[in-house]
Amino acid sequence: MQGGPARAVKSAAIPGIKHIVAVASGKGGVGKSTTAVNLAVSLTKLGRKVGLLDADIYGPSVPKMLGISGKPSMNPEGKITPLRNHGVYGMSIGLLISNPENSAIVWRGPMVMSALQQLLYQVDWGEKDFLIVDMPPGTGDAQLTLTQRVPLSGAVIVSTPQDIALMDARRGVNMFQKVHVPILGLVENMSFFQCPNCQHRSHIFGTDGVQEAAKEIGVDVIGKVPIEISIRKCSDEGTPVTASEPDSSEASEYLRIAKAVDQKVSEKKTAMPSVFMD
């Protein structure tokens, strides 16, 4: 089946936002949202003003991970005021629906895109150095439209070392490259498990897979995050490990990722074109 003619899609800047960075994965379950939340908190440790948008309409998890709840207020201009915790201003569809932890959102594509448009442009983000966008998993219509309509400074791809996850991560990289969004780096999540008793490292999902994929694609691995109980526990409690245990080795790794993102965006000084072709 042949595709239709190329269609110009205009991107629109978000007032007050210097850099928009997507955190994405080719599939779910690889720790993308955990990475996005801890990246956002780590950027505040570098003195950056940070917003965090949960763009996963069907599975919003940022409110729980960031420890924010309740209905956001509206400012005098009629825009939604994001909620702040751990130095990060967060917004999610999960804050706008009743009983978000148990409610299933059953929306078709146009409704999803309308909601994303509101979360992007009808929120009073204020002056921010970074808006981190926790992308929906996969490479479907919502993801592609987001990459086209939002002037992204770059993308961070999260994957486990497992072959199946890397296969999907490559698809994610390919999607961003097609719309000329720079890949800032790959994050190898669940890189290894270190036994707290004997300190032996087990590479549960394999070794070197992300490194090899990064070499093949021509990008850097900007972080290797281990499987750690503290990361899971802190996320469940709404206190990201970067905020609750800032001196831990896990927090240090997220800070390393944040420094790489901050540096790469600064070096690229990416001026995204106002029109992409799909």
C-alpha atoms as a PDB file:
ATOM      1  CA  MET A   1       0.000   0.000   0.000  1.00  0.00           C
ATOM      2  CA  GLN A   2       1.404   3.351  -0.974  1.00  0.00           C
ATOM      3  CA  GLY A   3       1.267   6.305   1.365  1.00  0.00           C
ATOM      4  CA  GLY A   4      -0.436   9.544   0.437  1.00  0.00           C
ATOM      5  CA  PRO A   5       1.376  12.738  -0.489  1.00  0.00           C
ATOM      6  CA  ALA A   6       3.670  14.376   2.045  1.00  0.00           C
ATOM      7  CA  ARG A   7       1.777  16.650   4.367  1.00  0.00           C
ATOM      8  CA  ALA A   8       3.296  19.755   5.974  1.00  0.00           C
ATOM      9  CA  VAL A   9       2.782  19.889   9.725  1.00  0.00           C
ATOM     10  CA  LYS A  10       3.503  23.130  11.491  1.00  0.00           C
ATOM     11  CA  SER A  11       5.078  23.008  14.940  1.00  0.00           C
ATOM     12  CA  ALA A  12       4.306  25.687  17.489  1.00  0.00           C
ATOM     13  CA  ALA A  13       6.603  26.799  20.264  1.00  0.00           C
ATOM     14  CA  ILE A  14       5.334  26.703  23.839  1.00  0.00           C
ATOM     15  CA  PRO A  15       5.665  30.182  25.375  1.00  0.00           C
ATOM     16  CA  GLY A  16       8.382  30.385  28.021  1.00  0.00           C
ATOM     17  CA  ILE A  17       9.953  26.991  27.255  1.00  0.00           C
ATOM     18  CA  LYS A  18      13.580  27.015  26.083  1.00  0.00           C
ATOM     19  CA  HIS A  19      14.046  23.320  25.362  1.00  0.00           C
ATOM     20  CA  ILE A  20      11.587  20.459  24.949  1.00  0.00           C
ATOM     21  CA  VAL A  21      13.094  16.998  25.377  1.00  0.00           C
ATOM     22  CA  ALA A  22      11.173  13.794  24.706  1.00  0.00           C
ATOM     23  CA  VAL A  23      11.853  10.679  26.757  1.00  0.00           C
ATOM     24  CA  ALA A  24      10.709   7.762  24.643  1.00  0.00           C
ATOM     25  CA  SER A  25      10.853   4.021  24.163  1.00  0.00           C
ATOM     26  CA  GLY A  26       9.802   1.672  21.423  1.00  0.00           C
ATOM     27  CA  LYS A  27       7.706  -0.351  23.867  1.00  0.00           C
ATOM     28  CA  GLY A  28       6.257  -0.164  27.360  1.00  0.00           C
ATOM     29  CA  GLY A  29       7.696  -1.688  30.505  1.00  0.00           C
ATOM     30  CA  VAL A  30      11.304  -0.562  30.097  1.00  0.00           C
ATOM     31  CA  GLY A  31      11.249   2.198  32.725  1.00  0.00           C
ATOM     32  CA  LYS A  32      10.651   5.203  30.481  1.00  0.00           C
ATOM     33  CA  SER A  33       8.451   7.113  32.948  1.00  0.00           C
ATOM     34  CA  THR A  34      10.806   6.407  35.847  1.00  0.00           C
ATOM     35  CA  THR A  35      13.639   7.770  33.732  1.00  0.00           C
ATOM     36  CA  ALA A  36      11.637  10.854  32.742  1.00  0.00           C
ATOM     37  CA  VAL A  37      10.724  11.719  36.345  1.00  0.00           C
ATOM     38  CA  ASN A  38      14.242  11.235  37.691  1.00  0.00           C
ATOM     39  CA  LEU A  39      15.742  13.134  34.745  1.00  0.00           C
ATOM     40  CA  ALA A  40      13.424  16.062  35.488  1.00  0.00           C
ATOM     41  CA  VAL A  41      14.330  16.107  39.194  1.00  0.00           C
ATOM     42  CA  SER A  42      18.038  15.777  38.373  1.00  0.00           C
ATOM     43  CA  LEU A  43      17.885  18.766  36.037  1.00  0.00           C
ATOM     44  CA  THR A  44      16.594  20.863  38.938  1.00  0.00           C
ATOM     45  CA  LYS A  45      19.710  19.791  40.861  1.00  0.00           C
ATOM     46  CA  LEU A  46      21.689  21.509  38.096  1.00  0.00           C
ATOM     47  CA  GLY A  47      19.783  24.722  38.743  1.00  0.00           C
ATOM     48  CA  ARG A  48      17.444  24.350  35.783  1.00  0.00           C
ATOM     49  CA  LYS A  49      13.752  25.275  35.856  1.00  0.00           C
ATOM     50  CA  VAL A  50      11.876  22.183  34.760  1.00  0.00           C
ATOM     51  CA  GLY A  51       8.385  21.153  33.687  1.00  0.00           C
ATOM     52  CA  LEU A  52       7.290  17.547  33.168  1.00  0.00           C
ATOM     53  CA  LEU A  53       4.465  16.596  30.818  1.00  0.00           C
ATOM     54  CA  ASP A  54       2.921  13.151  31.057  1.00  0.00           C
ATOM     55  CA  ALA A  55       1.944  12.541  27.436  1.00  0.00           C
ATOM     56  CA  ASP A  56       0.889   8.936  28.045  1.00  0.00           C
ATOM     57  CA  ILE A  57      -2.871   9.466  27.932  1.00  0.00           C
ATOM     58  CA  TYR A  58      -3.815   5.796  28.313  1.00  0.00           C
ATOM     59  CA  GLY A  59      -1.425   5.045  31.183  1.00  0.00           C
ATOM     60  CA  PRO A  60      -0.601   8.230  33.113  1.00  0.00           C
ATOM     61  CA  SER A  61       1.890   7.384  35.858  1.00  0.00           C
ATOM     62  CA  VAL A  62       3.711  10.687  36.434  1.00  0.00           C
ATOM     63  CA  PRO A  63       1.329  11.940  39.176  1.00  0.00           C
ATOM     64  CA  LYS A  64       2.031   8.899  41.344  1.00  0.00           C
ATOM     65  CA  MET A  65       5.768   8.906  40.654  1.00  0.00           C
ATOM     66  CA  LEU A  66       6.130  12.655  41.230  1.00  0.00           C
ATOM     67  CA  GLY A  67       3.853  12.592  44.260  1.00  0.00           C
ATOM     68  CA  ILE A  68       1.295  15.103  42.962  1.00  0.00           C
ATOM     69  CA  SER A  69      -2.485  14.813  43.259  1.00  0.00           C
ATOM     70  CA  GLY A  70      -5.674  16.839  43.264  1.00  0.00           C
ATOM     71  CA  LYS A  71      -7.268  18.971  40.588  1.00  0.00           C
ATOM     72  CA  PRO A  72      -5.055  21.782  39.231  1.00  0.00           C
ATOM     73  CA  SER A  73      -6.385  25.325  39.436  1.00  0.00           C
ATOM     74  CA  MET A  74      -6.929  27.766  36.584  1.00  0.00           C
ATOM     75  CA  ASN A  75      -5.086  31.070  36.346  1.00  0.00           C
ATOM     76  CA  PRO A  76      -6.841  34.385  35.466  1.00  0.00           C
ATOM     77  CA  GLU A  77      -6.056  33.790  31.767  1.00  0.00           C
ATOM     78  CA  GLY A  78      -7.934  30.500  31.821  1.00  0.00           C
ATOM     79  CA  LYS A  79      -4.849  28.287  31.662  1.00  0.00           C
ATOM     80  CA  ILE A  80      -4.202  25.270  33.878  1.00  0.00           C
ATOM     81  CA  THR A  81      -1.618  25.740  36.633  1.00  0.00           C
ATOM     82  CA  PRO A  82       0.705  22.709  36.872  1.00  0.00           C
ATOM     83  CA  LEU A  83       1.360  21.126  40.260  1.00  0.00           C
ATOM     84  CA  ARG A  84       4.837  21.332  41.788  1.00  0.00           C
ATOM     85  CA  ASN A  85       6.775  18.771  43.790  1.00  0.00           C
ATOM     86  CA  HIS A  86      10.478  18.019  44.207  1.00  0.00           C
ATOM     87  CA  GLY A  87      11.202  21.223  42.276  1.00  0.00           C
ATOM     88  CA  VAL A  88       9.397  20.004  39.148  1.00  0.00           C
ATOM     89  CA  TYR A  89       6.154  21.388  37.685  1.00  0.00           C
ATOM     90  CA  GLY A  90       4.103  18.441  36.468  1.00  0.00           C
ATOM     91  CA  MET A  91       0.977  18.010  34.383  1.00  0.00           C
ATOM     92  CA  SER A  92      -0.887  14.853  33.386  1.00  0.00           C
ATOM     93  CA  ILE A  93      -4.305  13.777  32.194  1.00  0.00           C
ATOM     94  CA  GLY A  94      -4.301  11.750  35.407  1.00  0.00           C
ATOM     95  CA  LEU A  95      -4.793  15.002  37.330  1.00  0.00           C
ATOM     96  CA  LEU A  96      -7.886  15.921  35.327  1.00  0.00           C
ATOM     97  CA  ILE A  97      -9.932  12.714  35.550  1.00  0.00           C
ATOM     98  CA  SER A  98     -11.723  11.117  38.481  1.00  0.00           C
ATOM     99  CA  ASN A  99     -10.117   8.096  40.148  1.00  0.00           C
ATOM    100  CA  PRO A 100      -7.103   8.052  37.759  1.00  0.00           C
ATOM    101  CA  GLU A 101      -5.510   4.930  39.228  1.00  0.00           C
ATOM    102  CA  ASN A 102      -8.523   2.769  38.372  1.00  0.00           C
ATOM    103  CA  SER A 103     -10.257   4.568  35.496  1.00  0.00           C
ATOM    104  CA  ALA A 104      -9.646   3.277  31.977  1.00  0.00           C
ATOM    105  CA  ILE A 105      -9.393   6.008  29.359  1.00  0.00           C
ATOM    106  CA  VAL A 106     -11.100   4.696  26.213  1.00  0.00           C
ATOM    107  CA  TRP A 107     -10.566   7.417  23.631  1.00  0.00           C
ATOM    108  CA  ARG A 108     -10.026   7.370  19.902  1.00  0.00           C
ATOM    109  CA  GLY A 109      -7.114   9.140  18.237  1.00  0.00           C
ATOM    110  CA  PRO A 110      -8.699  12.587  17.723  1.00  0.00           C
ATOM    111  CA  MET A 111      -9.670  12.820  21.405  1.00  0.00           C
ATOM    112  CA  VAL A 112      -6.167  11.823  22.476  1.00  0.00           C
ATOM    113  CA  MET A 113      -4.580  14.468  20.263  1.00  0.00           C
ATOM    114  CA  SER A 114      -7.022  17.098  21.514  1.00  0.00           C
ATOM    115  CA  ALA A 115      -6.081  16.259  25.109  1.00  0.00           C
ATOM    116  CA  LEU A 116      -2.373  16.442  24.303  1.00  0.00           C
ATOM    117  CA  GLN A 117      -2.841  19.815  22.622  1.00  0.00           C
ATOM    118  CA  GLN A 118      -4.482  21.098  25.809  1.00  0.00           C
ATOM    119  CA  LEU A 119      -1.763  19.699  28.039  1.00  0.00           C
ATOM    120  CA  LEU A 120       0.886  21.348  25.889  1.00  0.00           C
ATOM    121  CA  TYR A 121      -0.605  24.721  25.067  1.00  0.00           C
ATOM    122  CA  GLN A 122      -3.344  25.337  27.642  1.00  0.00           C
ATOM    123  CA  VAL A 123      -1.050  24.905  30.642  1.00  0.00           C
ATOM    124  CA  ASP A 124       0.688  27.879  32.229  1.00  0.00           C
ATOM    125  CA  TRP A 125       4.192  26.393  32.183  1.00  0.00           C
ATOM    126  CA  GLY A 126       5.859  29.739  32.927  1.00  0.00           C
ATOM    127  CA  GLU A 127       9.530  30.334  32.183  1.00  0.00           C
ATOM    128  CA  LYS A 128      11.276  26.954  32.009  1.00  0.00           C
ATOM    129  CA  ASP A 129      14.692  25.826  30.817  1.00  0.00           C
ATOM    130  CA  PHE A 130      13.335  22.356  30.061  1.00  0.00           C
ATOM    131  CA  LEU A 131      10.014  20.706  29.436  1.00  0.00           C
ATOM    132  CA  ILE A 132      10.517  16.954  29.703  1.00  0.00           C
ATOM    133  CA  VAL A 133       7.854  15.027  27.789  1.00  0.00           C
ATOM    134  CA  ASP A 134       7.187  11.487  28.953  1.00  0.00           C
ATOM    135  CA  MET A 135       6.116  10.091  25.585  1.00  0.00           C
ATOM    136  CA  PRO A 136       3.587   7.285  25.102  1.00  0.00           C
ATOM    137  CA  PRO A 137       5.317   3.963  24.426  1.00  0.00           C
ATOM    138  CA  GLY A 138       5.559   2.808  20.832  1.00  0.00           C
ATOM    139  CA  THR A 139       5.620   4.578  17.478  1.00  0.00           C
ATOM    140  CA  GLY A 140       1.974   5.086  16.606  1.00  0.00           C
ATOM    141  CA  ASP A 141      -0.021   8.064  15.390  1.00  0.00           C
ATOM    142  CA  ALA A 142       0.001   9.931  18.711  1.00  0.00           C
ATOM    143  CA  GLN A 143       3.781   9.653  18.991  1.00  0.00           C
ATOM    144  CA  LEU A 144       4.413  10.687  15.411  1.00  0.00           C
ATOM    145  CA  THR A 145       2.038  13.639  15.633  1.00  0.00           C
ATOM    146  CA  LEU A 146       3.684  14.810  18.869  1.00  0.00           C
ATOM    147  CA  THR A 147       7.122  14.754  17.244  1.00  0.00           C
ATOM    148  CA  GLN A 148       5.791  16.763  14.327  1.00  0.00           C
ATOM    149  CA  ARG A 149       3.719  19.345  16.186  1.00  0.00           C
ATOM    150  CA  VAL A 150       6.132  20.088  19.047  1.00  0.00           C
ATOM    151  CA  PRO A 151       9.526  21.733  18.346  1.00  0.00           C
ATOM    152  CA  LEU A 152      11.664  19.154  20.122  1.00  0.00           C
ATOM    153  CA  SER A 153      15.269  19.963  20.997  1.00  0.00           C
ATOM    154  CA  GLY A 154      16.026  16.264  21.149  1.00  0.00           C
ATOM    155  CA  ALA A 155      14.989  12.830  22.360  1.00  0.00           C
ATOM    156  CA  VAL A 156      16.308  10.388  24.937  1.00  0.00           C
ATOM    157  CA  ILE A 157      15.601   6.734  24.124  1.00  0.00           C
ATOM    158  CA  VAL A 158      15.185   4.286  27.004  1.00  0.00           C
ATOM    159  CA  SER A 159      15.700   0.552  26.543  1.00  0.00           C
ATOM    160  CA  THR A 160      16.689  -2.546  28.442  1.00  0.00           C
ATOM    161  CA  PRO A 161      19.620  -4.585  27.047  1.00  0.00           C
ATOM    162  CA  GLN A 162      17.183  -7.289  25.912  1.00  0.00           C
ATOM    163  CA  ASP A 163      17.151  -7.961  22.168  1.00  0.00           C
ATOM    164  CA  ILE A 164      13.366  -7.564  21.854  1.00  0.00           C
ATOM    165  CA  ALA A 165      13.422  -4.191  23.638  1.00  0.00           C
ATOM    166  CA  LEU A 166      16.335  -2.997  21.504  1.00  0.00           C
ATOM    167  CA  MET A 167      14.489  -3.964  18.341  1.00  0.00           C
ATOM    168  CA  ASP A 168      11.636  -1.680  19.396  1.00  0.00           C
ATOM    169  CA  ALA A 169      14.040   1.042  20.540  1.00  0.00           C
ATOM    170  CA  ARG A 170      15.548   1.145  17.043  1.00  0.00           C
ATOM    171  CA  ARG A 171      12.057   1.791  15.678  1.00  0.00           C
ATOM    172  CA  GLY A 172      11.729   4.706  18.069  1.00  0.00           C
ATOM    173  CA  VAL A 173      15.061   6.123  16.933  1.00  0.00           C
ATOM    174  CA  ASN A 174      13.994   5.745  13.313  1.00  0.00           C
ATOM    175  CA  MET A 175      10.764   7.659  13.973  1.00  0.00           C
ATOM    176  CA  PHE A 176      12.620  10.624  15.465  1.00  0.00           C
ATOM    177  CA  GLN A 177      15.210  10.620  12.705  1.00  0.00           C
ATOM    178  CA  LYS A 178      12.487  10.747  10.048  1.00  0.00           C
ATOM    179  CA  VAL A 179      11.202  14.023  11.493  1.00  0.00           C
ATOM    180  CA  HIS A 180      14.719  15.395  12.081  1.00  0.00           C
ATOM    181  CA  VAL A 181      14.696  15.274  15.882  1.00  0.00           C
ATOM    182  CA  PRO A 182      18.229  14.815  17.287  1.00  0.00           C
ATOM    183  CA  ILE A 183      18.816  11.727  19.424  1.00  0.00           C
ATOM    184  CA  LEU A 184      20.552  12.995  22.568  1.00  0.00           C
ATOM    185  CA  GLY A 185      21.456   9.513  23.709  1.00  0.00           C
ATOM    186  CA  LEU A 186      20.351   6.067  24.816  1.00  0.00           C
ATOM    187  CA  VAL A 187      19.701   5.100  28.433  1.00  0.00           C
ATOM    188  CA  GLU A 188      20.277   1.464  29.319  1.00  0.00           C
ATOM    189  CA  ASN A 189      17.713   0.789  32.024  1.00  0.00           C
ATOM    190  CA  MET A 190      17.697  -2.361  34.167  1.00  0.00           C
ATOM    191  CA  SER A 191      21.336  -2.676  33.140  1.00  0.00           C
ATOM    192  CA  PHE A 192      22.244  -5.143  35.891  1.00  0.00           C
ATOM    193  CA  PHE A 193      21.269  -6.348  39.335  1.00  0.00           C
ATOM    194  CA  GLN A 194      23.841  -6.166  42.096  1.00  0.00           C
ATOM    195  CA  CYS A 195      23.198  -8.497  45.019  1.00  0.00           C
ATOM    196  CA  PRO A 196      23.104  -6.414  48.233  1.00  0.00           C
ATOM    197  CA  ASN A 197      24.671  -9.301  50.162  1.00  0.00           C
ATOM    198  CA  CYS A 198      27.537 -10.586  48.014  1.00  0.00           C
ATOM    199  CA  GLN A 199      27.772  -7.619  45.574  1.00  0.00           C
ATOM    200  CA  HIS A 200      27.732  -9.986  42.585  1.00  0.00           C
ATOM    201  CA  ARG A 201      26.379  -8.382  39.414  1.00  0.00           C
ATOM    202  CA  SER A 202      23.855 -10.305  37.324  1.00  0.00           C
ATOM    203  CA  HIS A 203      23.040  -9.047  33.830  1.00  0.00           C
ATOM    204  CA  ILE A 204      19.473 -10.316  33.790  1.00  0.00           C
ATOM    205  CA  PHE A 205      18.531  -8.816  30.412  1.00  0.00           C
ATOM    206  CA  GLY A 206      21.889  -9.406  28.702  1.00  0.00           C
ATOM    207  CA  THR A 207      25.012  -7.312  28.234  1.00  0.00           C
ATOM    208  CA  ASP A 208      26.339  -4.796  25.711  1.00  0.00           C
ATOM    209  CA  GLY A 209      23.119  -4.731  23.689  1.00  0.00           C
ATOM    210  CA  VAL A 210      22.429  -1.024  24.173  1.00  0.00           C
ATOM    211  CA  GLN A 211      26.103  -0.177  23.639  1.00  0.00           C
ATOM    212  CA  GLU A 212      26.139  -2.048  20.339  1.00  0.00           C
ATOM    213  CA  ALA A 213      22.858  -0.445  19.242  1.00  0.00           C
ATOM    214  CA  ALA A 214      24.185   3.020  20.107  1.00  0.00           C
ATOM    215  CA  LYS A 215      27.334   2.383  18.070  1.00  0.00           C
ATOM    216  CA  GLU A 216      25.249   1.165  15.153  1.00  0.00           C
ATOM    217  CA  ILE A 217      22.983   4.235  15.308  1.00  0.00           C
ATOM    218  CA  GLY A 218      25.838   6.649  15.936  1.00  0.00           C
ATOM    219  CA  VAL A 219      24.760   8.020  19.331  1.00  0.00           C
ATOM    220  CA  ASP A 220      26.046   7.858  22.895  1.00  0.00           C
ATOM    221  CA  VAL A 221      24.920   5.742  25.820  1.00  0.00           C
ATOM    222  CA  ILE A 222      24.382   8.503  28.383  1.00  0.00           C
ATOM    223  CA  GLY A 223      23.482   6.318  31.346  1.00  0.00           C
ATOM    224  CA  LYS A 224      23.257   2.783  32.711  1.00  0.00           C
ATOM    225  CA  VAL A 225      20.680   2.452  35.465  1.00  0.00           C
ATOM    226  CA  PRO A 226      20.672  -0.773  37.510  1.00  0.00           C
ATOM    227  CA  ILE A 227      17.716  -2.769  38.786  1.00  0.00           C
ATOM    228  CA  GLU A 228      17.405  -1.361  42.294  1.00  0.00           C
ATOM    229  CA  ILE A 229      14.712  -1.856  44.909  1.00  0.00           C
ATOM    230  CA  SER A 230      15.112   1.757  46.018  1.00  0.00           C
ATOM    231  CA  ILE A 231      14.214   3.078  42.547  1.00  0.00           C
ATOM    232  CA  ARG A 232      11.006   1.054  42.486  1.00  0.00           C
ATOM    233  CA  LYS A 233      10.126   1.810  46.116  1.00  0.00           C
ATOM    234  CA  CYS A 234      10.710   5.551  45.797  1.00  0.00           C
ATOM    235  CA  SER A 235       8.692   5.734  42.571  1.00  0.00           C
ATOM    236  CA  ASP A 236       5.763   3.938  44.194  1.00  0.00           C
ATOM    237  CA  GLU A 237       5.877   6.351  47.132  1.00  0.00           C
ATOM    238  CA  GLY A 238       5.972   9.480  44.967  1.00  0.00           C
ATOM    239  CA  THR A 239       9.453  10.404  46.146  1.00  0.00           C
ATOM    240  CA  PRO A 240      11.856   9.815  43.225  1.00  0.00           C
ATOM    241  CA  VAL A 241      15.201   8.374  44.270  1.00  0.00           C
ATOM    242  CA  THR A 242      16.910  11.512  42.966  1.00  0.00           C
ATOM    243  CA  ALA A 243      14.940  13.553  45.511  1.00  0.00           C
ATOM    244  CA  SER A 244      14.764  11.160  48.457  1.00  0.00           C
ATOM    245  CA  GLU A 245      18.240   9.584  48.199  1.00  0.00           C
ATOM    246  CA  PRO A 246      20.314  12.209  46.345  1.00  0.00           C
ATOM    247  CA  ASP A 247      23.638  10.752  47.527  1.00  0.00           C
ATOM    248  CA  SER A 248      22.912   7.215  46.304  1.00  0.00           C
ATOM    249  CA  SER A 249      24.678   5.647  43.341  1.00  0.00           C
ATOM    250  CA  GLU A 250      21.329   5.425  41.515  1.00  0.00           C
ATOM    251  CA  ALA A 251      20.712   9.154  41.911  1.00  0.00           C
ATOM    252  CA  SER A 252      24.267   9.817  40.728  1.00  0.00           C
ATOM    253  CA  GLU A 253      23.568   7.888  37.534  1.00  0.00           C
ATOM    254  CA  TYR A 254      20.421   9.896  36.841  1.00  0.00           C
ATOM    255  CA  LEU A 255      22.396  13.075  37.501  1.00  0.00           C
ATOM    256  CA  ARG A 256      24.943  11.890  34.951  1.00  0.00           C
ATOM    257  CA  ILE A 257      22.117  11.488  32.421  1.00  0.00           C
ATOM    258  CA  ALA A 258      20.827  14.981  33.242  1.00  0.00           C
ATOM    259  CA  LYS A 259      24.274  16.514  32.774  1.00  0.00           C
ATOM    260  CA  ALA A 260      24.610  14.793  29.394  1.00  0.00           C
ATOM    261  CA  VAL A 261      21.191  16.045  28.250  1.00  0.00           C
ATOM    262  CA  ASP A 262      21.919  19.568  29.470  1.00  0.00           C
ATOM    263  CA  GLN A 263      25.299  19.625  27.729  1.00  0.00           C
ATOM    264  CA  LYS A 264      24.113  18.088  24.465  1.00  0.00           C
ATOM    265  CA  VAL A 265      21.151  20.447  24.145  1.00  0.00           C
ATOM    266  CA  SER A 266      23.451  23.388  24.867  1.00  0.00           C
ATOM    267  CA  GLU A 267      26.012  22.211  22.316  1.00  0.00           C
ATOM    268  CA  LYS A 268      23.462  21.557  19.604  1.00  0.00           C
ATOM    269  CA  LYS A 269      21.596  24.812  20.212  1.00  0.00           C
ATOM    270  CA  THR A 270      19.045  23.125  17.992  1.00  0.00           C
ATOM    271  CA  ALA A 271      16.740  25.426  16.074  1.00  0.00           C
ATOM    272  CA  MET A 272      14.036  23.026  14.923  1.00  0.00           C
ATOM    273  CA  PRO A 273      12.414  23.797  11.559  1.00  0.00           C
ATOM    274  CA  SER A 274       8.879  25.149  11.725  1.00  0.00           C
ATOM    275  CA  VAL A 275       7.615  22.700   9.126  1.00  0.00           C
ATOM    276  CA  PHE A 276       8.254  18.945   9.056  1.00  0.00           C
ATOM    277  CA  MET A 277       7.301  16.607   6.261  1.00  0.00           C
ATOM    278  CA  ASP A 278       5.703  13.287   7.090  1.00  0.00           C
END
